Structure formats: C-alpha cells, structure tokens
PDB file of N, CA and C in Angstrom:
ATOM      1  N   MET A   1      -1.665  28.523  25.068  1.00  0.00           N
ATOM      2  CA  MET A   1      -2.449  27.169  25.410  1.00  0.00           C
ATOM      3  C   MET A   1      -3.451  25.739  26.024  1.00  0.00           C
ATOM      4  N   LYS A   2      -3.654  24.900  26.224  1.00  0.00           N
ATOM      5  CA  LYS A   2      -4.789  24.300  26.335  1.00  0.00           C
ATOM      6  C   LYS A   2      -5.796  24.512  27.471  1.00  0.00           C
ATOM      7  N   PRO A   3      -7.204  24.177  27.899  1.00  0.00           N
ATOM      8  CA  PRO A   3      -7.130  23.937  29.333  1.00  0.00           C
ATOM      9  C   PRO A   3      -6.473  23.725  29.975  1.00  0.00           C
ATOM     10  N   VAL A   4      -6.767  23.398  31.038  1.00  0.00           N
ATOM     11  CA  VAL A   4      -7.270  22.047  32.562  1.00  0.00           C
ATOM     12  C   VAL A   4      -8.229  21.372  32.439  1.00  0.00           C
ATOM     13  N   ILE A   5      -7.499  20.342  32.200  1.00  0.00           N
ATOM     14  CA  ILE A   5      -7.756  19.030  32.311  1.00  0.00           C
ATOM     15  C   ILE A   5      -7.662  18.131  33.746  1.00  0.00           C
ATOM     16  N   ASN A   6      -9.156  17.923  33.810  1.00  0.00           N
ATOM     17  CA  ASN A   6      -8.183  16.623  35.708  1.00  0.00           C
ATOM     18  C   ASN A   6      -8.443  15.622  35.656  1.00  0.00           C
ATOM     19  N   PHE A   7      -7.285  15.579  36.009  1.00  0.00           N
ATOM     20  CA  PHE A   7      -7.061  13.116  36.341  1.00  0.00           C
ATOM     21  C   PHE A   7      -8.079  12.193  35.283  1.00  0.00           C
ATOM     22  N   ASP A   8      -9.522  12.996  35.496  1.00  0.00           N
ATOM     23  CA  ASP A   8     -10.327  11.757  35.515  1.00  0.00           C
ATOM     24  C   ASP A   8     -10.244  11.702  33.599  1.00  0.00           C
ATOM     25  N   THR A   9     -10.889  13.188  33.473  1.00  0.00           N
ATOM     26  CA  THR A   9     -10.601  13.323  31.430  1.00  0.00           C
ATOM     27  C   THR A   9      -9.283  12.447  31.194  1.00  0.00           C
ATOM     28  N   PHE A  10      -8.354  12.821  31.802  1.00  0.00           N
ATOM     29  CA  PHE A  10      -7.099  12.169  31.027  1.00  0.00           C
ATOM     30  C   PHE A  10      -6.817  10.718  31.054  1.00  0.00           C
ATOM     31  N   ALA A  11      -7.509  10.256  32.220  1.00  0.00           N
ATOM     32  CA  ALA A  11      -7.257   8.496  32.423  1.00  0.00           C
ATOM     33  C   ALA A  11      -8.763   8.406  31.457  1.00  0.00           C
ATOM     34  N   GLU A  12      -9.620   8.624  30.779  1.00  0.00           N
ATOM     35  CA  GLU A  12     -11.541   8.175  30.147  1.00  0.00           C
ATOM     36  C   GLU A  12      -9.427   8.063  28.875  1.00  0.00           C
ATOM     37  N   ALA A  13      -9.189   9.196  28.863  1.00  0.00           N
ATOM     38  CA  ALA A  13      -8.675   9.595  27.147  1.00  0.00           C
ATOM     39  C   ALA A  13      -7.376   8.843  27.003  1.00  0.00           C
ATOM     40  N   ALA A  14      -7.170   8.907  28.077  1.00  0.00           N
ATOM     41  CA  ALA A  14      -5.765   8.546  27.702  1.00  0.00           C
ATOM     42  C   ALA A  14      -5.597   6.346  27.592  1.00  0.00           C
ATOM     43  N   ASN A  15      -6.616   6.307  28.186  1.00  0.00           N
ATOM     44  CA  ASN A  15      -7.075   4.343  28.564  1.00  0.00           C
ATOM     45  C   ASN A  15      -7.355   4.111  27.221  1.00  0.00           C
ATOM     46  N   LYS A  16      -8.233   5.399  25.774  1.00  0.00           N
ATOM     47  CA  LYS A  16      -8.612   4.556  25.579  1.00  0.00           C
ATOM     48  C   LYS A  16      -7.130   4.459  24.113  1.00  0.00           C
ATOM     49  N   LEU A  17      -6.370   5.324  24.321  1.00  0.00           N
ATOM     50  CA  LEU A  17      -4.939   4.876  23.112  1.00  0.00           C
ATOM     51  C   LEU A  17      -3.965   4.379  23.348  1.00  0.00           C
ATOM     52  N   ASP A  18      -3.243   3.280  22.634  1.00  0.00           N
ATOM     53  CA  ASP A  18      -2.160   2.504  22.043  1.00  0.00           C
ATOM     54  C   ASP A  18      -1.071   3.442  21.707  1.00  0.00           C
ATOM     55  N   ILE A  19      -1.014   3.800  22.305  1.00  0.00           N
ATOM     56  CA  ILE A  19       0.705   5.389  22.514  1.00  0.00           C
ATOM     57  C   ILE A  19       1.729   3.551  22.435  1.00  0.00           C
ATOM     58  N   ARG A  20       2.856   3.648  21.387  1.00  0.00           N
ATOM     59  CA  ARG A  20       3.741   2.920  21.294  1.00  0.00           C
ATOM     60  C   ARG A  20       5.223   4.025  21.289  1.00  0.00           C
ATOM     61  N   PHE A  21       6.480   3.285  21.824  1.00  0.00           N
ATOM     62  CA  PHE A  21       7.387   4.146  21.197  1.00  0.00           C
ATOM     63  C   PHE A  21       8.073   3.464  19.299  1.00  0.00           C
ATOM     64  N   GLY A  22       8.145   3.916  18.161  1.00  0.00           N
ATOM     65  CA  GLY A  22       8.998   3.562  17.536  1.00  0.00           C
ATOM     66  C   GLY A  22       9.554   4.776  16.295  1.00  0.00           C
ATOM     67  N   VAL A  23      10.474   3.254  15.831  1.00  0.00           N
ATOM     68  CA  VAL A  23      12.338   3.453  15.227  1.00  0.00           C
ATOM     69  C   VAL A  23      11.827   4.026  14.202  1.00  0.00           C
ATOM     70  N   ILE A  24      11.731   4.927  12.981  1.00  0.00           N
ATOM     71  CA  ILE A  24      11.336   5.273  11.404  1.00  0.00           C
ATOM     72  C   ILE A  24      12.503   4.766  10.822  1.00  0.00           C
ATOM     73  N   THR A  25      11.606   4.518  10.274  1.00  0.00           N
ATOM     74  CA  THR A  25      13.656   3.625   9.520  1.00  0.00           C
ATOM     75  C   THR A  25      13.281   4.437   7.623  1.00  0.00           C
ATOM     76  N   GLU A  26      12.540   5.094   7.234  1.00  0.00           N
ATOM     77  CA  GLU A  26      12.049   5.260   6.506  1.00  0.00           C
ATOM     78  C   GLU A  26      11.089   6.835   6.277  1.00  0.00           C
ATOM     79  N   VAL A  27      11.589   7.299   5.143  1.00  0.00           N
ATOM     80  CA  VAL A  27      11.270   8.923   4.716  1.00  0.00           C
ATOM     81  C   VAL A  27      11.015   9.754   3.646  1.00  0.00           C
ATOM     82  N   GLU A  28      10.144   9.791   2.968  1.00  0.00           N
ATOM     83  CA  GLU A  28      10.196  10.642   2.072  1.00  0.00           C
ATOM     84  C   GLU A  28       9.268  11.708   1.756  1.00  0.00           C
ATOM     85  N   ARG A  29       8.761  12.590   1.042  1.00  0.00           N
ATOM     86  CA  ARG A  29       8.543  13.356   0.228  1.00  0.00           C
ATOM     87  C   ARG A  29       6.585  13.098  -0.511  1.00  0.00           C
ATOM     88  N   ILE A  30       6.157  13.638   0.008  1.00  0.00           N
ATOM     89  CA  ILE A  30       5.223  13.515  -1.510  1.00  0.00           C
ATOM     90  C   ILE A  30       5.394  13.917  -1.918  1.00  0.00           C
ATOM     91  N   PRO A  31       4.755  13.105  -3.317  1.00  0.00           N
ATOM     92  CA  PRO A  31       5.114  14.800  -4.426  1.00  0.00           C
ATOM     93  C   PRO A  31       3.540  15.189  -5.096  1.00  0.00           C
ATOM     94  N   LYS A  32       3.941  15.961  -4.858  1.00  0.00           N
ATOM     95  CA  LYS A  32       3.347  17.784  -4.892  1.00  0.00           C
ATOM     96  C   LYS A  32       2.580  17.865  -3.962  1.00  0.00           C
ATOM     97  N   ASN A  33       2.901  17.995  -2.758  1.00  0.00           N
ATOM     98  CA  ASN A  33       2.347  18.059  -1.424  1.00  0.00           C
ATOM     99  C   ASN A  33       3.351  18.081  -0.793  1.00  0.00           C
ATOM    100  N   LYS A  34       4.350  19.087  -0.645  1.00  0.00           N
ATOM    101  CA  LYS A  34       5.602  19.793   0.055  1.00  0.00           C
ATOM    102  C   LYS A  34       5.346  19.011   1.246  1.00  0.00           C
ATOM    103  N   LYS A  35       4.160  19.458   2.562  1.00  0.00           N
ATOM    104  CA  LYS A  35       3.827  19.613   3.505  1.00  0.00           C
ATOM    105  C   LYS A  35       4.045  18.231   4.134  1.00  0.00           C
ATOM    106  N   MET A  36       3.640  17.013   3.366  1.00  0.00           N
ATOM    107  CA  MET A  36       3.472  16.343   3.212  1.00  0.00           C
ATOM    108  C   MET A  36       4.598  15.271   3.574  1.00  0.00           C
ATOM    109  N   ILE A  37       4.839  13.652   4.516  1.00  0.00           N
ATOM    110  CA  ILE A  37       6.016  13.088   4.459  1.00  0.00           C
ATOM    111  C   ILE A  37       5.247  11.946   4.472  1.00  0.00           C
ATOM    112  N   LYS A  38       5.500  10.652   4.458  1.00  0.00           N
ATOM    113  CA  LYS A  38       5.112   9.603   4.164  1.00  0.00           C
ATOM    114  C   LYS A  38       6.433   9.117   4.897  1.00  0.00           C
ATOM    115  N   LEU A  39       6.390   8.444   6.391  1.00  0.00           N
ATOM    116  CA  LEU A  39       7.691   6.986   6.300  1.00  0.00           C
ATOM    117  C   LEU A  39       6.614   6.187   6.891  1.00  0.00           C
ATOM    118  N   ILE A  40       7.907   5.678   7.648  1.00  0.00           N
ATOM    119  CA  ILE A  40       7.786   4.588   8.280  1.00  0.00           C
ATOM    120  C   ILE A  40       8.254   3.633   8.929  1.00  0.00           C
ATOM    121  N   ALA A  41       7.489   3.049   9.649  1.00  0.00           N
ATOM    122  CA  ALA A  41       8.632   3.402  11.914  1.00  0.00           C
ATOM    123  C   ALA A  41       7.924   1.894  12.432  1.00  0.00           C
ATOM    124  N   ASN A  42       9.369   1.191  12.689  1.00  0.00           N
ATOM    125  CA  ASN A  42       8.967   0.368  13.014  1.00  0.00           C
ATOM    126  C   ASN A  42       8.445   0.007  15.037  1.00  0.00           C
ATOM    127  N   PHE A  43       7.916  -1.540  14.796  1.00  0.00           N
ATOM    128  CA  PHE A  43       7.734  -1.404  16.286  1.00  0.00           C
ATOM    129  C   PHE A  43       7.656  -2.286  16.507  1.00  0.00           C
ATOM    130  N   GLY A  44       9.093  -3.441  16.023  1.00  0.00           N
ATOM    131  CA  GLY A  44       9.813  -4.695  17.321  1.00  0.00           C
ATOM    132  C   GLY A  44       9.057  -5.589  16.094  1.00  0.00           C
ATOM    133  N   GLY A  45       9.837  -6.750  15.293  1.00  0.00           N
ATOM    134  CA  GLY A  45       9.739  -7.339  14.419  1.00  0.00           C
ATOM    135  C   GLY A  45      10.174  -7.136  13.900  1.00  0.00           C
ATOM    136  N   GLU A  46       8.175  -7.624  12.759  1.00  0.00           N
ATOM    137  CA  GLU A  46       7.706  -7.422  11.610  1.00  0.00           C
ATOM    138  C   GLU A  46       6.451  -6.082  11.745  1.00  0.00           C
ATOM    139  N   VAL A  47       6.811  -5.584  12.571  1.00  0.00           N
ATOM    140  CA  VAL A  47       5.775  -4.515  12.740  1.00  0.00           C
ATOM    141  C   VAL A  47       5.918  -3.108  12.379  1.00  0.00           C
ATOM    142  N   ASN A  48       5.618  -2.653  11.389  1.00  0.00           N
ATOM    143  CA  ASN A  48       5.357  -1.664  10.179  1.00  0.00           C
ATOM    144  C   ASN A  48       5.023  -0.913  10.066  1.00  0.00           C
ATOM    145  N   LYS A  49       4.550   0.756  10.260  1.00  0.00           N
ATOM    146  CA  LYS A  49       2.599   0.969  10.524  1.00  0.00           C
ATOM    147  C   LYS A  49       3.952   2.763   9.366  1.00  0.00           C
ATOM    148  N   THR A  50       2.664   2.364   8.002  1.00  0.00           N
ATOM    149  CA  THR A  50       3.057   4.183   7.373  1.00  0.00           C
ATOM    150  C   THR A  50       2.535   5.092   8.393  1.00  0.00           C
ATOM    151  N   VAL A  51       3.040   6.130   7.534  1.00  0.00           N
ATOM    152  CA  VAL A  51       2.072   7.389   8.487  1.00  0.00           C
ATOM    153  C   VAL A  51       2.491   9.149   7.585  1.00  0.00           C
ATOM    154  N   VAL A  52       1.100   8.987   7.097  1.00  0.00           N
ATOM    155  CA  VAL A  52       1.247  10.287   6.933  1.00  0.00           C
ATOM    156  C   VAL A  52       1.440  11.729   7.629  1.00  0.00           C
ATOM    157  N   SER A  53       2.088  12.152   7.457  1.00  0.00           N
ATOM    158  CA  SER A  53       2.505  13.586   8.287  1.00  0.00           C
ATOM    159  C   SER A  53       2.770  14.670   7.761  1.00  0.00           C
ATOM    160  N   ASN A  54       1.905  15.468   8.542  1.00  0.00           N
ATOM    161  CA  ASN A  54       2.724  17.486   7.811  1.00  0.00           C
ATOM    162  C   ASN A  54       4.194  18.213   8.002  1.00  0.00           C
ATOM    163  N   ILE A  55       4.831  17.400   9.259  1.00  0.00           N
ATOM    164  CA  ILE A  55       5.179  17.919   9.710  1.00  0.00           C
ATOM    165  C   ILE A  55       6.559  18.289   8.187  1.00  0.00           C
ATOM    166  N   GLY A  56       6.784  17.587   6.290  1.00  0.00           N
ATOM    167  CA  GLY A  56       7.298  17.502   6.076  1.00  0.00           C
ATOM    168  C   GLY A  56       7.661  19.433   5.793  1.00  0.00           C
ATOM    169  N   GLY A  57       6.843  19.954   5.017  1.00  0.00           N
ATOM    170  CA  GLY A  57       7.685  21.995   4.574  1.00  0.00           C
ATOM    171  C   GLY A  57       8.520  22.517   6.497  1.00  0.00           C
ATOM    172  N   LYS A  58       8.080  21.995   7.742  1.00  0.00           N
ATOM    173  CA  LYS A  58       8.965  22.243   8.091  1.00  0.00           C
ATOM    174  C   LYS A  58      10.180  22.294   8.227  1.00  0.00           C
ATOM    175  N   LEU A  59       9.781  20.876   7.986  1.00  0.00           N
ATOM    176  CA  LEU A  59      12.335  20.445   7.824  1.00  0.00           C
ATOM    177  C   LEU A  59      12.663  20.593   6.133  1.00  0.00           C
ATOM    178  N   GLU A  60      13.625  20.925   5.911  1.00  0.00           N
ATOM    179  CA  GLU A  60      14.835  20.905   5.525  1.00  0.00           C
ATOM    180  C   GLU A  60      14.587  19.859   4.515  1.00  0.00           C
ATOM    181  N   ASP A  61      15.774  19.179   5.686  1.00  0.00           N
ATOM    182  CA  ASP A  61      15.961  18.108   5.452  1.00  0.00           C
ATOM    183  C   ASP A  61      15.561  17.024   6.630  1.00  0.00           C
ATOM    184  N   ILE A  62      14.100  16.031   5.699  1.00  0.00           N
ATOM    185  CA  ILE A  62      13.205  14.935   6.294  1.00  0.00           C
ATOM    186  C   ILE A  62      14.601  14.155   6.762  1.00  0.00           C
ATOM    187  N   THR A  63      15.758  13.310   6.073  1.00  0.00           N
ATOM    188  CA  THR A  63      16.216  12.459   6.280  1.00  0.00           C
ATOM    189  C   THR A  63      17.163  12.687   8.311  1.00  0.00           C
ATOM    190  N   ILE A  64      16.947  13.867   8.523  1.00  0.00           N
ATOM    191  CA  ILE A  64      17.710  13.158   9.890  1.00  0.00           C
ATOM    192  C   ILE A  64      16.188  13.130  10.581  1.00  0.00           C
ATOM    193  N   LEU A  65      15.206  12.784   9.862  1.00  0.00           N
ATOM    194  CA  LEU A  65      14.421  11.813  11.302  1.00  0.00           C
ATOM    195  C   LEU A  65      14.182   9.427  11.646  1.00  0.00           C
ATOM    196  N   VAL A  66      15.134  10.056  10.367  1.00  0.00           N
ATOM    197  CA  VAL A  66      16.060   8.171  10.331  1.00  0.00           C
ATOM    198  C   VAL A  66      16.445   7.944  11.375  1.00  0.00           C
ATOM    199  N   GLY A  67      16.157   6.853  12.121  1.00  0.00           N
ATOM    200  CA  GLY A  67      17.000   6.452  13.248  1.00  0.00           C
ATOM    201  C   GLY A  67      16.261   6.668  14.153  1.00  0.00           C
ATOM    202  N   LYS A  68      15.480   8.174  14.096  1.00  0.00           N
ATOM    203  CA  LYS A  68      15.266   8.625  16.194  1.00  0.00           C
ATOM    204  C   LYS A  68      13.824   7.881  16.033  1.00  0.00           C
ATOM    205  N   ILE A  69      13.801   7.834  17.338  1.00  0.00           N
ATOM    206  CA  ILE A  69      12.296   6.677  18.512  1.00  0.00           C
ATOM    207  C   ILE A  69      12.057   7.891  18.834  1.00  0.00           C
ATOM    208  N   PHE A  70      10.554   7.931  18.883  1.00  0.00           N
ATOM    209  CA  PHE A  70       9.606   8.381  18.871  1.00  0.00           C
ATOM    210  C   PHE A  70       7.836   8.208  18.886  1.00  0.00           C
ATOM    211  N   PRO A  71       7.496   9.012  19.927  1.00  0.00           N
ATOM    212  CA  PRO A  71       6.262   8.251  20.340  1.00  0.00           C
ATOM    213  C   PRO A  71       4.970   7.635  19.280  1.00  0.00           C
ATOM    214  N   PHE A  72       3.699   7.211  18.894  1.00  0.00           N
ATOM    215  CA  PHE A  72       3.517   7.189  17.978  1.00  0.00           C
ATOM    216  C   PHE A  72       1.767   6.812  18.563  1.00  0.00           C
ATOM    217  N   ILE A  73       0.513   7.027  17.830  1.00  0.00           N
ATOM    218  CA  ILE A  73      -0.961   6.420  18.463  1.00  0.00           C
ATOM    219  C   ILE A  73      -1.426   5.898  17.095  1.00  0.00           C
ATOM    220  N   LEU A  74      -1.004   4.056  17.566  1.00  0.00           N
ATOM    221  CA  LEU A  74      -1.153   2.976  17.151  1.00  0.00           C
ATOM    222  C   LEU A  74      -2.811   3.013  16.137  1.00  0.00           C
ATOM    223  N   ASN A  75      -3.628   3.245  16.611  1.00  0.00           N
ATOM    224  CA  ASN A  75      -4.944   2.029  17.389  1.00  0.00           C
ATOM    225  C   ASN A  75      -5.828   3.553  17.067  1.00  0.00           C
ATOM    226  N   LEU A  76      -5.625   4.808  15.735  1.00  0.00           N
ATOM    227  CA  LEU A  76      -6.348   5.462  15.152  1.00  0.00           C
ATOM    228  C   LEU A  76      -6.906   4.379  13.918  1.00  0.00           C
ATOM    229  N   GLU A  77      -7.765   5.573  13.862  1.00  0.00           N
ATOM    230  CA  GLU A  77      -8.324   4.496  12.082  1.00  0.00           C
ATOM    231  C   GLU A  77      -7.360   5.571  11.102  1.00  0.00           C
ATOM    232  N   PRO A  78      -7.172   4.170  10.266  1.00  0.00           N
ATOM    233  CA  PRO A  78      -6.657   4.416   9.210  1.00  0.00           C
ATOM    234  C   PRO A  78      -7.001   5.390   8.464  1.00  0.00           C
ATOM    235  N   ALA A  79      -6.418   6.091   8.014  1.00  0.00           N
ATOM    236  CA  ALA A  79      -7.078   7.140   7.050  1.00  0.00           C
ATOM    237  C   ALA A  79      -6.590   7.240   5.699  1.00  0.00           C
ATOM    238  N   GLU A  80      -7.132   7.554   4.625  1.00  0.00           N
ATOM    239  CA  GLU A  80      -5.665   7.629   3.399  1.00  0.00           C
ATOM    240  C   GLU A  80      -5.713   9.871   3.228  1.00  0.00           C
ATOM    241  N   ARG A  81      -4.604   9.618   2.890  1.00  0.00           N
ATOM    242  CA  ARG A  81      -3.386  11.806   3.368  1.00  0.00           C
ATOM    243  C   ARG A  81      -3.307  11.556   2.041  1.00  0.00           C
ATOM    244  N   ASN A  82      -2.981  11.961   0.814  1.00  0.00           N
ATOM    245  CA  ASN A  82      -2.802  12.364   0.083  1.00  0.00           C
ATOM    246  C   ASN A  82      -2.883  10.583  -1.106  1.00  0.00           C
ATOM    247  N   GLY A  83      -3.522   9.824  -0.584  1.00  0.00           N
ATOM    248  CA  GLY A  83      -3.628   8.961  -1.756  1.00  0.00           C
ATOM    249  C   GLY A  83      -2.462   7.810  -1.097  1.00  0.00           C
ATOM    250  N   ILE A  84      -2.053   7.062   0.378  1.00  0.00           N
ATOM    251  CA  ILE A  84      -1.409   6.698   0.579  1.00  0.00           C
ATOM    252  C   ILE A  84      -2.742   6.086   1.688  1.00  0.00           C
ATOM    253  N   MET A  85      -2.076   5.367   2.343  1.00  0.00           N
ATOM    254  CA  MET A  85      -3.283   4.895   3.529  1.00  0.00           C
ATOM    255  C   MET A  85      -2.249   4.977   4.769  1.00  0.00           C
ATOM    256  N   SER A  86      -2.801   5.896   6.156  1.00  0.00           N
ATOM    257  CA  SER A  86      -1.411   6.008   7.719  1.00  0.00           C
ATOM    258  C   SER A  86      -2.486   5.500   8.393  1.00  0.00           C
ATOM    259  N   GLU A  87      -1.260   4.533   8.802  1.00  0.00           N
ATOM    260  CA  GLU A  87      -1.932   3.441   9.802  1.00  0.00           C
ATOM    261  C   GLU A  87      -1.522   4.335  11.031  1.00  0.00           C
ATOM    262  N   ALA A  88      -1.217   5.126  11.894  1.00  0.00           N
ATOM    263  CA  ALA A  88      -0.937   5.602  13.331  1.00  0.00           C
ATOM    264  C   ALA A  88      -0.581   7.487  12.834  1.00  0.00           C
ATOM    265  N   MET A  89       0.264   7.436  14.601  1.00  0.00           N
ATOM    266  CA  MET A  89       0.096   9.142  14.299  1.00  0.00           C
ATOM    267  C   MET A  89       1.236   9.361  15.175  1.00  0.00           C
ATOM    268  N   ILE A  90       2.593  10.510  14.102  1.00  0.00           N
ATOM    269  CA  ILE A  90       3.243  10.732  15.083  1.00  0.00           C
ATOM    270  C   ILE A  90       3.113  11.639  16.411  1.00  0.00           C
ATOM    271  N   LEU A  91       3.589  11.556  16.995  1.00  0.00           N
ATOM    272  CA  LEU A  91       3.387  12.635  18.356  1.00  0.00           C
ATOM    273  C   LEU A  91       4.818  13.498  18.608  1.00  0.00           C
ATOM    274  N   MET A  92       5.011  14.235  17.979  1.00  0.00           N
ATOM    275  CA  MET A  92       6.134  15.828  17.851  1.00  0.00           C
ATOM    276  C   MET A  92       5.595  16.968  17.149  1.00  0.00           C
ATOM    277  N   ASP A  93       6.348  17.777  17.729  1.00  0.00           N
ATOM    278  CA  ASP A  93       5.355  19.128  17.413  1.00  0.00           C
ATOM    279  C   ASP A  93       6.540  19.716  16.943  1.00  0.00           C
ATOM    280  N   THR A  94       7.040  20.789  15.707  1.00  0.00           N
ATOM    281  CA  THR A  94       8.295  21.587  15.887  1.00  0.00           C
ATOM    282  C   THR A  94       7.995  23.358  16.344  1.00  0.00           C
ATOM    283  N   LEU A  95       9.119  24.211  15.743  1.00  0.00           N
ATOM    284  CA  LEU A  95       8.427  25.502  16.990  1.00  0.00           C
ATOM    285  C   LEU A  95       9.527  26.067  15.498  1.00  0.00           C
ATOM    286  N   ALA A  96       8.795  27.316  15.320  1.00  0.00           N
ATOM    287  CA  ALA A  96       9.489  27.516  14.425  1.00  0.00           C
ATOM    288  C   ALA A  96      10.059  29.413  14.907  1.00  0.00           C
ATOM    289  N   PRO A  97      11.546  29.067  15.403  1.00  0.00           N
ATOM    290  CA  PRO A  97      11.867  29.977  15.840  1.00  0.00           C
ATOM    291  C   PRO A  97      11.889  31.483  14.645  1.00  0.00           C
ATOM    292  N   GLU A  98      12.671  32.838  14.983  1.00  0.00           N
ATOM    293  CA  GLU A  98      13.355  34.000  14.255  1.00  0.00           C
ATOM    294  C   GLU A  98      13.170  32.822  13.023  1.00  0.00           C
ATOM    295  N   ALA A  99      14.628  31.459  12.568  1.00  0.00           N
ATOM    296  CA  ALA A  99      16.050  32.336  12.487  1.00  0.00           C
ATOM    297  C   ALA A  99      14.739  30.283  11.282  1.00  0.00           C
ATOM    298  N   GLY A 100      13.920  30.238   9.869  1.00  0.00           N
ATOM    299  CA  GLY A 100      13.200  29.413  10.011  1.00  0.00           C
ATOM    300  C   GLY A 100      13.245  28.074  11.532  1.00  0.00           C
ATOM    301  N   TYR A 101      12.042  26.642  10.497  1.00  0.00           N
ATOM    302  CA  TYR A 101      11.977  26.155  12.176  1.00  0.00           C
ATOM    303  C   TYR A 101      12.889  25.663  12.857  1.00  0.00           C
ATOM    304  N   GLU A 102      12.850  24.527  13.279  1.00  0.00           N
ATOM    305  CA  GLU A 102      13.952  23.789  14.529  1.00  0.00           C
ATOM    306  C   GLU A 102      13.165  22.353  14.806  1.00  0.00           C
ATOM    307  N   LEU A 103      12.929  21.442  14.864  1.00  0.00           N
ATOM    308  CA  LEU A 103      12.356  20.400  15.743  1.00  0.00           C
ATOM    309  C   LEU A 103      12.727  20.386  16.390  1.00  0.00           C
ATOM    310  N   LEU A 104      11.589  19.735  17.120  1.00  0.00           N
ATOM    311  CA  LEU A 104      11.288  19.567  18.671  1.00  0.00           C
ATOM    312  C   LEU A 104      10.387  18.424  18.730  1.00  0.00           C
ATOM    313  N   PRO A 105      10.713  17.709  19.154  1.00  0.00           N
ATOM    314  CA  PRO A 105      10.009  15.609  19.584  1.00  0.00           C
ATOM    315  C   PRO A 105       9.017  16.302  20.827  1.00  0.00           C
ATOM    316  N   PHE A 106       8.197  15.709  20.558  1.00  0.00           N
ATOM    317  CA  PHE A 106       6.788  15.657  22.151  1.00  0.00           C
ATOM    318  C   PHE A 106       8.506  15.216  22.584  1.00  0.00           C
ATOM    319  N   ILE A 107       8.903  13.895  22.227  1.00  0.00           N
ATOM    320  CA  ILE A 107       9.494  12.932  23.311  1.00  0.00           C
ATOM    321  C   ILE A 107       9.966  12.876  22.329  1.00  0.00           C
ATOM    322  N   GLU A 108      11.932  12.208  21.948  1.00  0.00           N
ATOM    323  CA  GLU A 108      11.929  11.647  22.160  1.00  0.00           C
ATOM    324  C   GLU A 108      12.954  10.907  22.265  1.00  0.00           C
ATOM    325  N   VAL A 109      13.667   9.280  22.302  1.00  0.00           N
ATOM    326  CA  VAL A 109      13.894   7.956  23.782  1.00  0.00           C
ATOM    327  C   VAL A 109      15.509   8.584  23.097  1.00  0.00           C
ATOM    328  N   PRO A 110      16.703   8.590  23.910  1.00  0.00           N
ATOM    329  CA  PRO A 110      17.258   7.643  23.063  1.00  0.00           C
ATOM    330  C   PRO A 110      18.043   6.654  23.200  1.00  0.00           C
ATOM    331  N   ARG A 111      18.658   6.138  21.820  1.00  0.00           N
ATOM    332  CA  ARG A 111      18.794   4.707  22.327  1.00  0.00           C
ATOM    333  C   ARG A 111      19.295   4.013  23.224  1.00  0.00           C
ATOM    334  N   GLU A 112      19.973   4.447  24.226  1.00  0.00           N
ATOM    335  CA  GLU A 112      20.608   3.864  25.423  1.00  0.00           C
ATOM    336  C   GLU A 112      20.676   4.754  26.693  1.00  0.00           C
ATOM    337  N   ILE A 113      19.952   4.416  27.613  1.00  0.00           N
ATOM    338  CA  ILE A 113      20.368   5.558  28.874  1.00  0.00           C
ATOM    339  C   ILE A 113      21.425   4.934  29.757  1.00  0.00           C
ATOM    340  N   LYS A 114      21.890   5.827  30.415  1.00  0.00           N
ATOM    341  CA  LYS A 114      23.877   5.313  31.061  1.00  0.00           C
ATOM    342  C   LYS A 114      22.644   5.906  32.714  1.00  0.00           C
ATOM    343  N   LYS A 115      23.376   4.695  33.185  1.00  0.00           N
ATOM    344  CA  LYS A 115      23.162   5.624  34.631  1.00  0.00           C
ATOM    345  C   LYS A 115      24.056   6.508  35.848  1.00  0.00           C
ATOM    346  N   PRO A 116      23.319   7.355  36.085  1.00  0.00           N
ATOM    347  CA  PRO A 116      24.634   8.593  36.761  1.00  0.00           C
ATOM    348  C   PRO A 116      25.455   7.584  37.467  1.00  0.00           C
ATOM    349  N   ALA A 117      26.521   8.414  37.765  1.00  0.00           N
ATOM    350  CA  ALA A 117      27.954   7.351  37.593  1.00  0.00           C
ATOM    351  C   ALA A 117      28.081   8.414  39.667  1.00  0.00           C
TER     352      ALA A 117
END
C-alpha cells in the first residue's frame, strides 16, 4: 500500500497530468520481449497514440484489449522502449491470482451507460 497523501499534494500532481480516455484499436506483441506489447489507442477523430507497455507478460491473449476503453496519461515525455517510440501511458494494473493472471483494469468504461429504471 502506498502512503496517504493530502489533498494539496494530490491537486498539485493531478493538475500536471493530461488524463484522457482512449479506445484500444490495435495491439501486438513486441518480438524478442514477451512482456512488452505495442498498442494503438484512439482519443477521438484522428488522434492516435502508440503506447508500449509491459503488460504483455501478464496476458495470454492480448487481443482482449482491442475495443476496450482505458484512461491514459498523454503528456508524458515520449520515450523509446524496445525500439518503439511510446507516446503515452495506459493506466491499468493486473492481479496475479493463484491460477494465472487476471486483467484488472484501473478503470474500464462501458460503451453505454444506462440510467437506472
């Protein structure tokens, strides 16, 4: 567990982050590194970002990510990872239950939110 922070500390950090929701449109494994995957996320219109993430080793079938919506940090400095320029960071995590890995999204947004009856 991480330490508790006060609201001012949170606000200072949060005001610096450009967090947006994007839909994953493509995903592929990076050759020679089973843990790393390259994904393309769309943020509306023609705004696409390439993201390199180490979640590939925790997912048997990475194609389950296609079509899912996750939050991303878009204003991180681009960095080369495994020879690919990564332009953002996906906000997700995984749990390792006893019987293999299970995807635990930080936040996953349903495509349609229905009002309660």
